[in-house]
Amino acid sequence: MTKPADLSLYHFDSCPYCRFVRSAARELDLELELRDVLGEPERMRELVEATGRQTVPCLRIALPDGGVRWMHESRDIVAYLKERFAA
């Protein structure tokens, strides 16, 4: 299983859109760092401070230049993961 160090998924367990992203990651044999916004309130604060939104899923992508890209919308996240990691 591949664990990309540059990716973190802000989510919560019962969210169907988050489940969709986690399922796609499993199919791609990826282990994403999961940041539970309900179980860890500091994760929700990070998300809101960075994006101005409380919506999940949100993928945090650490860029090689030290910047960060935030990606909302489950379909966009899955498309990104497939484009980057599908064999």
Protein backbone atom coordinates (compact mmCIF):
# COMPACT_ATOMS: atom_id res chain seq x y z
CA MET A 1 0.00 0.00 0.00
CA THR A 2 1.27 3.45 -0.94
CA LYS A 3 1.11 6.18 1.70
CA PRO A 4 1.68 9.52 -0.03
CA ALA A 5 3.27 11.88 2.49
CA ASP A 6 1.90 14.93 0.69
CA LEU A 7 -1.80 14.07 1.04
CA SER A 8 -4.19 14.42 3.99
CA LEU A 9 -7.94 13.88 3.85
CA TYR A 10 -10.16 15.96 6.12
CA HIS A 11 -13.26 13.85 6.70
CA PHE A 12 -15.61 12.21 9.16
CA ASP A 13 -16.60 8.54 9.22
CA SER A 14 -20.33 8.70 8.49
CA CYS A 15 -20.11 11.23 5.62
CA PRO A 16 -21.16 9.43 2.39
CA TYR A 17 -18.98 11.68 0.22
CA CYS A 18 -16.00 10.97 2.45
CA ARG A 19 -16.74 7.24 2.20
CA PHE A 20 -16.70 7.59 -1.60
CA VAL A 21 -13.20 9.12 -1.48
CA ARG A 22 -11.88 6.59 1.05
CA SER A 23 -13.23 3.73 -1.07
CA ALA A 24 -11.53 5.09 -4.20
CA ALA A 25 -8.26 5.43 -2.27
CA ARG A 26 -8.52 1.79 -1.15
CA GLU A 27 -9.15 0.69 -4.74
CA LEU A 28 -5.99 2.55 -5.74
CA ASP A 29 -4.12 0.90 -2.84
CA LEU A 30 -3.51 4.27 -1.17
CA GLU A 31 -3.36 4.93 2.54
CA LEU A 32 -4.27 8.57 3.01
CA GLU A 33 -3.58 10.39 6.25
CA LEU A 34 -7.08 10.80 7.68
CA ARG A 35 -7.91 13.92 9.69
CA ASP A 36 -11.25 13.48 11.43
CA VAL A 37 -12.93 16.89 11.76
CA LEU A 38 -15.48 15.61 14.30
CA GLY A 39 -13.18 13.46 16.44
CA GLU A 40 -10.37 16.02 16.44
CA PRO A 41 -11.78 19.58 16.72
CA GLU A 42 -8.37 21.09 15.92
CA ARG A 43 -8.66 19.51 12.46
CA MET A 44 -11.90 21.41 11.84
CA ARG A 45 -10.18 24.63 12.92
CA GLU A 46 -7.31 23.95 10.50
CA LEU A 47 -9.76 23.33 7.67
CA VAL A 48 -11.80 26.47 8.31
CA GLU A 49 -8.71 28.67 8.77
CA ALA A 50 -7.22 27.42 5.50
CA THR A 51 -10.31 27.27 3.30
CA GLY A 52 -13.04 29.29 4.99
CA ARG A 53 -15.30 26.24 4.71
CA GLN A 54 -16.38 23.42 7.02
CA THR A 55 -17.31 21.04 4.23
CA VAL A 56 -15.71 17.63 3.85
CA PRO A 57 -14.19 15.77 2.23
CA CYS A 58 -11.29 18.06 1.60
CA LEU A 59 -7.92 16.88 0.37
CA ARG A 60 -4.85 18.80 1.52
CA ILE A 61 -2.06 18.54 -1.02
CA ALA A 62 1.40 19.65 0.10
CA LEU A 63 3.19 21.03 -2.94
CA PRO A 64 6.91 20.55 -3.65
CA ASP A 65 7.52 24.31 -3.38
CA GLY A 66 6.21 24.32 0.20
CA GLY A 67 2.76 25.61 -0.70
CA VAL A 68 -0.53 23.86 -0.07
CA ARG A 69 -3.47 23.18 -2.35
CA TRP A 70 -6.90 22.39 -0.90
CA MET A 71 -9.37 20.35 -2.93
CA HIS A 72 -13.05 20.09 -2.02
CA GLU A 73 -15.68 17.99 -3.80
CA SER A 74 -15.48 14.22 -3.63
CA ARG A 75 -15.60 13.69 -7.41
CA ASP A 76 -12.76 16.13 -7.98
CA ILE A 77 -10.70 14.40 -5.29
CA VAL A 78 -11.32 10.95 -6.76
CA ALA A 79 -10.48 12.18 -10.28
CA TYR A 80 -7.23 13.68 -8.95
CA LEU A 81 -6.28 10.46 -7.14
CA LYS A 82 -7.02 8.33 -10.20
CA GLU A 83 -5.08 10.65 -12.48
CA ARG A 84 -2.09 10.64 -10.18
CA PHE A 85 -2.03 7.04 -8.93
CA ALA A 86 -3.90 4.74 -11.35
CA ALA A 87 -1.58 2.26 -13.04
